């Protein structure tokens, strides 16, 4: 099984210091060179990968990132960028349009005060300026809100903001306590009730204005969202997470390195599959409580494994942010 999606943390560098950053202080050493990155992209394309996502850090701080994206597109890959928007200007927007690229922009709160409290002074204003530029050049984008203990009450506003500014959709991602969020930012980790409040308010707003939203890294949300306008993404089997140094990661939020793409992606992917099989050998959703009685257990599979490892230190534990696991009413 070859990955259809490759997520490359193309640099760990960033021009912001978000309190909940999952990349901060986790990666060191020489990042992939331009030639090493080109070799990776060629091998991904030859193997059948469909989509290459450039993220970071801030991907646009990598000087060769547009050249690499251009090569990926010429080889038949779709490309996207996850950005904070600070470096988006008209020149960059024109290049993104030529690449037919999709942009995911992080904005952790429709309220300026809340967003800036999480991402730093000026983050909200810069993000909205970037959205205006992208929209004017016809670059499609979605806006990601990481759900935290500080912004969970803004689920409705996030959907309404996304609809108003012309975003393709609203994205919600409950915080995973990695990187800075495992240390000084740990107070931002929401509880299960707060996640439930946020997503139900978002669901109501989506129904009200006829909009759509996606939930990432929380497959348990399928248990308590009812609207067809809310898409709950599964933890996909066909995703390769690649570090700035070219390490193949079990998950981009976990420091579980399974291979080195410098030695060839195919070889690293085989090592990843073997590592995954061994790691998950003892994880059985039918033996988890309360998962064994959950109607969405086959889809959810116990929720986010990264949270289970980071918050419970147990690969056999269910996602602690699931309201059913935490005992919050979901029906």
Protein backbone atom coordinates (compact mmCIF):
# COMPACT_ATOMS: atom_id res chain seq x y z
CA UNK A 1 0.00 0.00 0.00
CA UNK A 2 1.60 3.24 -1.20
CA UNK A 3 0.59 6.59 0.42
CA UNK A 4 -1.83 8.73 -1.56
CA UNK A 5 -1.01 11.77 0.59
CA UNK A 6 2.44 12.90 1.75
CA UNK A 7 2.63 15.59 4.43
CA UNK A 8 6.09 17.13 4.47
CA UNK A 9 7.15 19.41 7.28
CA UNK A 10 9.49 21.10 4.84
CA UNK A 11 11.05 23.32 7.51
CA UNK A 12 10.86 23.68 11.27
CA UNK A 13 11.53 27.39 11.01
CA UNK A 14 8.70 29.79 11.78
CA UNK A 15 8.20 33.50 12.19
CA UNK A 16 5.62 33.07 14.95
CA UNK A 17 5.72 31.52 18.40
CA UNK A 18 2.23 30.07 18.80
CA UNK A 19 1.60 28.75 22.29
CA UNK A 20 0.24 25.44 21.02
CA UNK A 21 2.72 24.69 18.21
CA UNK A 22 3.23 20.95 17.84
CA UNK A 23 6.48 21.36 15.85
CA UNK A 24 8.39 23.67 18.22
CA UNK A 25 11.54 22.23 19.84
CA UNK A 26 11.06 18.77 18.29
CA UNK A 27 13.33 18.80 15.25
CA UNK A 28 17.02 19.57 14.82
CA UNK A 29 19.75 18.84 12.32
CA UNK A 30 20.15 19.57 8.61
CA UNK A 31 16.88 19.73 6.71
CA UNK A 32 16.48 18.05 3.34
CA UNK A 33 18.47 19.84 0.65
CA UNK A 34 16.86 20.91 -2.60
CA UNK A 35 18.27 17.90 -4.44
CA UNK A 36 17.20 15.50 -1.68
CA UNK A 37 13.72 17.01 -1.75
CA UNK A 38 13.54 16.66 -5.53
CA UNK A 39 14.51 13.00 -5.27
CA UNK A 40 11.77 12.49 -2.68
CA UNK A 41 9.17 14.19 -4.86
CA UNK A 42 10.13 12.14 -7.90
CA UNK A 43 9.85 8.90 -5.95
CA UNK A 44 6.48 9.88 -4.49
CA UNK A 45 5.14 10.69 -7.95
CA UNK A 46 6.51 7.51 -9.50
CA UNK A 47 4.96 5.42 -6.72
CA UNK A 48 1.49 6.88 -7.17
CA UNK A 49 1.17 9.55 -4.49
CA UNK A 50 -1.60 11.99 -5.46
CA UNK A 51 -1.16 14.95 -3.10
CA UNK A 52 1.87 16.60 -1.50
CA UNK A 53 1.15 18.94 1.42
CA UNK A 54 3.86 21.43 2.35
CA UNK A 55 3.69 22.43 5.98
CA UNK A 56 6.09 23.43 8.75
CA UNK A 57 6.95 25.54 10.65
CA UNK A 58 6.10 28.15 8.09
CA UNK A 59 6.65 26.55 4.65
CA UNK A 60 7.14 29.84 2.83
CA UNK A 61 10.29 30.46 4.88
CA UNK A 62 11.95 27.70 2.86
CA UNK A 63 13.55 29.53 -0.10
CA UNK A 64 13.09 26.72 -2.64
CA UNK A 65 9.55 25.70 -1.66
CA UNK A 66 7.83 27.14 -4.76
CA UNK A 67 10.39 25.56 -7.08
CA UNK A 68 9.81 22.21 -5.37
CA UNK A 69 6.05 22.63 -5.60
CA UNK A 70 6.37 23.49 -9.27
CA UNK A 71 8.32 20.31 -9.89
CA UNK A 72 5.71 18.29 -7.98
CA UNK A 73 2.93 19.73 -10.13
CA UNK A 74 4.87 19.00 -13.33
CA UNK A 75 5.10 15.37 -12.15
CA UNK A 76 1.33 15.22 -11.72
CA UNK A 77 0.94 15.84 -7.98
CA UNK A 78 -1.59 18.16 -6.43
CA UNK A 79 -0.05 20.51 -3.87
CA UNK A 80 -1.25 22.39 -0.83
CA UNK A 81 0.33 24.65 1.78
CA UNK A 82 -0.40 25.03 5.50
CA UNK A 83 0.54 28.58 6.46
CA UNK A 84 0.04 31.29 9.07
CA UNK A 85 -0.42 33.81 6.26
CA UNK A 86 2.26 36.27 7.32
CA UNK A 87 4.22 35.96 4.07
CA UNK A 88 1.26 35.91 1.69
CA UNK A 89 1.41 38.85 -0.71
CA UNK A 90 0.31 39.44 -4.29
CA UNK A 91 3.45 37.91 -5.79
CA UNK A 92 3.05 34.72 -3.77
CA UNK A 93 -0.67 34.55 -4.50
CA UNK A 94 0.02 34.72 -8.24
CA UNK A 95 2.48 31.82 -7.94
CA UNK A 96 0.00 29.76 -5.93
CA UNK A 97 -2.67 30.37 -8.55
CA UNK A 98 -0.33 29.20 -11.31
CA UNK A 99 0.32 26.04 -9.30
CA UNK A 100 -3.41 25.48 -8.81
CA UNK A 101 -2.46 25.08 -5.14
CA UNK A 102 -4.81 24.85 -2.18
CA UNK A 103 -4.05 26.78 1.01
CA UNK A 104 -4.90 25.89 4.59
CA UNK A 105 -4.56 28.97 6.75
CA UNK A 106 -4.44 28.80 10.55
CA UNK A 107 -6.65 31.24 12.43
CA UNK A 108 -7.45 30.14 15.96
CA UNK A 109 -10.45 32.30 16.69
CA UNK A 110 -12.77 34.64 14.85
CA UNK A 111 -12.24 37.10 17.72
CA UNK A 112 -9.01 39.06 17.38
CA UNK A 113 -8.23 39.05 21.10
CA UNK A 114 -8.53 35.28 21.39
CA UNK A 115 -6.55 34.53 18.24
CA UNK A 116 -3.73 36.89 19.20
CA UNK A 117 -3.63 35.44 22.72
CA UNK A 118 -2.85 32.05 21.17
CA UNK A 119 -0.79 32.93 18.11
CA UNK A 120 0.79 36.24 19.11
CA UNK A 121 0.07 39.96 18.56
CA UNK A 122 -1.05 40.81 15.06
CA UNK A 123 -1.80 37.22 14.02
CA UNK A 124 -5.51 37.80 13.45
CA UNK A 125 -5.03 40.93 11.34
CA UNK A 126 -2.27 39.35 9.24
CA UNK A 127 -4.34 36.24 8.60
CA UNK A 128 -7.34 38.22 7.42
CA UNK A 129 -5.11 40.29 5.14
CA UNK A 130 -3.70 37.07 3.67
CA UNK A 131 -7.21 35.70 3.09
CA UNK A 132 -8.18 38.84 1.20
CA UNK A 133 -5.14 38.52 -1.08
CA UNK A 134 -5.75 34.81 -1.74
CA UNK A 135 -9.38 35.45 -2.53
CA UNK A 136 -8.57 38.29 -4.92
CA UNK A 137 -6.28 35.99 -6.93
CA UNK A 138 -8.69 33.07 -6.94
CA UNK A 139 -6.58 30.81 -4.71
CA UNK A 140 -8.88 28.34 -2.92
CA UNK A 141 -8.40 28.11 0.83
CA UNK A 142 -9.83 26.70 4.03
CA UNK A 143 -9.30 28.06 7.52
CA UNK A 144 -8.11 25.81 10.33
CA UNK A 145 -9.15 26.45 13.91
CA UNK A 146 -7.30 24.37 16.49
CA UNK A 147 -9.78 23.83 19.32
CA UNK A 148 -8.30 24.89 22.65
CA UNK A 149 -9.51 25.71 26.13
CA UNK A 150 -9.32 29.38 25.19
CA UNK A 151 -11.30 29.42 21.92
CA UNK A 152 -13.71 26.48 22.18
CA UNK A 153 -16.65 28.88 22.50
CA UNK A 154 -15.98 30.26 19.01
CA UNK A 155 -17.08 27.26 16.94
CA UNK A 156 -20.13 29.05 15.58
CA UNK A 157 -18.19 32.23 14.81
CA UNK A 158 -15.50 30.26 13.00
CA UNK A 159 -18.04 28.76 10.60
CA UNK A 160 -19.69 32.12 10.00
CA UNK A 161 -16.33 33.81 9.41
CA UNK A 162 -15.24 31.14 6.92
CA UNK A 163 -18.49 31.49 5.01
CA UNK A 164 -18.25 35.30 4.99
CA UNK A 165 -14.67 35.48 3.65
CA UNK A 166 -15.20 32.92 0.92
CA UNK A 167 -13.28 29.99 2.37
CA UNK A 168 -13.88 26.61 0.76
CA UNK A 169 -14.67 25.22 4.20
CA UNK A 170 -14.11 25.48 7.93
CA UNK A 171 -11.69 23.04 9.56
CA UNK A 172 -11.66 22.07 13.24
CA UNK A 173 -8.82 20.21 14.94
CA UNK A 174 -8.88 19.50 18.70
CA UNK A 175 -5.43 20.32 20.07
CA UNK A 176 -2.91 17.48 20.34
CA UNK A 177 -0.42 18.10 23.19
CA UNK A 178 2.87 17.85 21.30
CA UNK A 179 5.75 20.29 21.01
CA UNK A 180 5.07 23.55 22.82
CA UNK A 181 1.56 22.30 23.68
CA UNK A 182 3.16 19.54 25.77
CA UNK A 183 4.97 22.11 27.90
CA UNK A 184 4.12 25.77 28.50
CA UNK A 185 1.06 25.57 26.25
CA UNK A 186 -0.47 22.54 27.94
CA UNK A 187 -3.14 24.65 29.64
CA UNK A 188 -4.60 25.17 26.17
CA UNK A 189 -5.54 21.48 25.80
CA UNK A 190 -9.36 21.42 25.86
CA UNK A 191 -11.41 18.93 27.78
CA UNK A 192 -13.95 16.62 26.18
CA UNK A 193 -16.90 18.82 27.07
CA UNK A 194 -15.28 21.85 25.46
CA UNK A 195 -14.64 19.91 22.24
CA UNK A 196 -18.27 18.81 22.23
CA UNK A 197 -19.51 22.38 22.77
CA UNK A 198 -17.35 23.71 19.96
CA UNK A 199 -18.35 21.12 17.38
CA UNK A 200 -22.05 21.25 18.18
CA UNK A 201 -22.06 25.03 17.85
CA UNK A 202 -20.21 24.69 14.56
CA UNK A 203 -22.73 22.12 13.38
CA UNK A 204 -25.60 24.44 14.18
CA UNK A 205 -24.00 27.31 12.28
CA UNK A 206 -23.27 25.11 9.25
CA UNK A 207 -26.90 24.05 9.10
CA UNK A 208 -28.08 27.63 9.56
CA UNK A 209 -26.10 29.15 6.67
CA UNK A 210 -25.84 26.06 4.43
CA UNK A 211 -22.08 25.74 4.82
CA UNK A 212 -19.74 22.81 5.41
CA UNK A 213 -17.00 21.97 7.88
CA UNK A 214 -14.41 19.26 8.36
CA UNK A 215 -13.14 17.75 11.60
CA UNK A 216 -9.56 16.50 11.66
CA UNK A 217 -7.87 14.18 14.17
CA UNK A 218 -11.09 13.46 16.06
CA UNK A 219 -12.92 10.54 14.42
CA UNK A 220 -15.00 10.19 17.59
CA UNK A 221 -16.91 13.27 16.41
CA UNK A 222 -18.86 10.95 14.11
CA UNK A 223 -20.66 9.75 17.26
CA UNK A 224 -22.33 13.05 18.05
CA UNK A 225 -22.45 15.09 14.82
CA UNK A 226 -25.62 14.53 12.82
CA UNK A 227 -25.44 17.04 9.99
CA UNK A 228 -24.36 15.95 6.51
CA UNK A 229 -22.61 19.30 6.33
CA UNK A 230 -19.99 18.10 8.83
CA UNK A 231 -17.38 15.75 7.43
CA UNK A 232 -15.47 13.81 10.07
CA UNK A 233 -12.17 12.66 8.62
CA UNK A 234 -10.89 9.20 9.56
CA UNK A 235 -7.31 8.56 10.60
CA UNK A 236 -6.21 7.67 7.09
CA UNK A 237 -4.20 4.59 6.22
CA UNK A 238 -2.54 6.16 3.21
CA UNK A 239 -0.65 9.12 4.69
CA UNK A 240 3.11 9.61 4.95
CA UNK A 241 4.34 12.19 7.48
CA UNK A 242 7.87 13.39 6.72
CA UNK A 243 10.02 15.48 9.06
CA UNK A 244 12.18 18.44 7.98
CA UNK A 245 15.21 16.14 8.21
CA UNK A 246 13.60 13.50 5.99
CA UNK A 247 12.55 11.09 8.70
CA UNK A 248 9.36 9.15 8.10
CA UNK A 249 7.20 9.66 11.19
CA UNK A 250 4.48 7.41 12.55
CA UNK A 251 2.50 10.65 13.00
CA UNK A 252 3.68 14.22 12.59
CA UNK A 253 2.76 14.93 16.22
CA UNK A 254 4.75 11.99 17.62
CA UNK A 255 8.50 11.54 17.96
CA UNK A 256 8.33 8.02 16.55
CA UNK A 257 10.77 7.91 13.65
CA UNK A 258 10.44 4.86 11.44
CA UNK A 259 12.73 5.45 8.47
CA UNK A 260 14.87 7.94 6.52
CA UNK A 261 13.76 9.05 3.06
CA UNK A 262 17.37 9.96 2.23
CA UNK A 263 17.89 6.20 1.89
CA UNK A 264 14.93 6.00 -0.48
CA UNK A 265 11.27 6.60 0.22
CA UNK A 266 10.20 3.09 -0.73
CA UNK A 267 12.59 1.56 1.80
CA UNK A 268 11.46 4.03 4.49
CA UNK A 269 7.79 3.29 3.75
CA UNK A 270 8.33 -0.44 4.16
CA UNK A 271 9.96 0.23 7.53
CA UNK A 272 7.02 2.44 8.48
CA UNK A 273 4.48 -0.27 7.68
CA UNK A 274 6.39 -2.83 9.72
CA UNK A 275 6.70 -0.43 12.66
CA UNK A 276 3.01 0.39 12.54
CA UNK A 277 1.97 -3.26 12.49
CA UNK A 278 4.10 -4.00 15.53
CA UNK A 279 2.99 -0.90 17.46
CA UNK A 280 -0.70 -1.54 16.91
CA UNK A 281 -0.55 -5.25 17.57
CA UNK A 282 -2.06 -4.83 21.04
CA UNK A 283 -4.59 -2.13 20.13
CA UNK A 284 -8.07 -3.65 19.78
CA UNK A 285 -11.08 -1.36 19.79
CA UNK A 286 -13.33 -4.26 20.75
CA UNK A 287 -11.40 -4.57 23.99
CA UNK A 288 -11.52 -0.86 24.88
CA UNK A 289 -14.14 0.67 27.12
CA UNK A 290 -16.45 2.34 26.35
CA UNK A 291 -15.43 1.86 22.69
CA UNK A 292 -16.59 -1.76 22.51
CA UNK A 293 -20.21 -0.57 22.79
CA UNK A 294 -19.90 2.52 20.56
CA UNK A 295 -21.88 2.55 17.29
CA UNK A 296 -19.03 4.25 15.38
CA UNK A 297 -16.18 2.10 16.72
CA UNK A 298 -15.36 0.55 13.34
CA UNK A 299 -14.88 4.02 11.85
CA UNK A 300 -13.30 5.73 14.87
CA UNK A 301 -11.04 2.87 15.99
CA UNK A 302 -10.61 4.40 19.42
CA UNK A 303 -9.93 7.95 18.25
CA UNK A 304 -6.60 9.75 17.91
CA UNK A 305 -3.75 7.39 18.78
CA UNK A 306 -1.39 10.35 19.27
CA UNK A 307 -3.50 11.70 22.12
CA UNK A 308 -3.70 8.24 23.70
CA UNK A 309 0.09 8.04 23.68
CA UNK A 310 0.77 11.63 24.69
CA UNK A 311 -1.92 11.92 27.36
CA UNK A 312 -2.29 8.34 28.62
CA UNK A 313 1.07 6.78 27.60
CA UNK A 314 -0.84 3.73 26.43
CA UNK A 315 -1.30 2.55 22.84
CA UNK A 316 -4.34 0.56 24.00
CA UNK A 317 -6.13 3.58 25.46
CA UNK A 318 -8.97 5.41 23.69
CA UNK A 319 -8.75 9.09 22.83
CA UNK A 320 -9.14 10.98 26.13
CA UNK A 321 -10.87 13.90 24.38
CA UNK A 322 -13.78 11.73 23.26
CA UNK A 323 -16.85 12.83 25.24
CA UNK A 324 -18.00 9.22 25.58
CA UNK A 325 -14.64 8.23 27.07
CA UNK A 326 -14.73 11.22 29.41
CA UNK A 327 -18.31 10.50 30.48
CA UNK A 328 -19.86 13.58 28.88
CA UNK A 329 -23.40 13.11 27.45
CA UNK A 330 -23.28 12.69 23.67
CA UNK A 331 -26.77 11.49 22.74
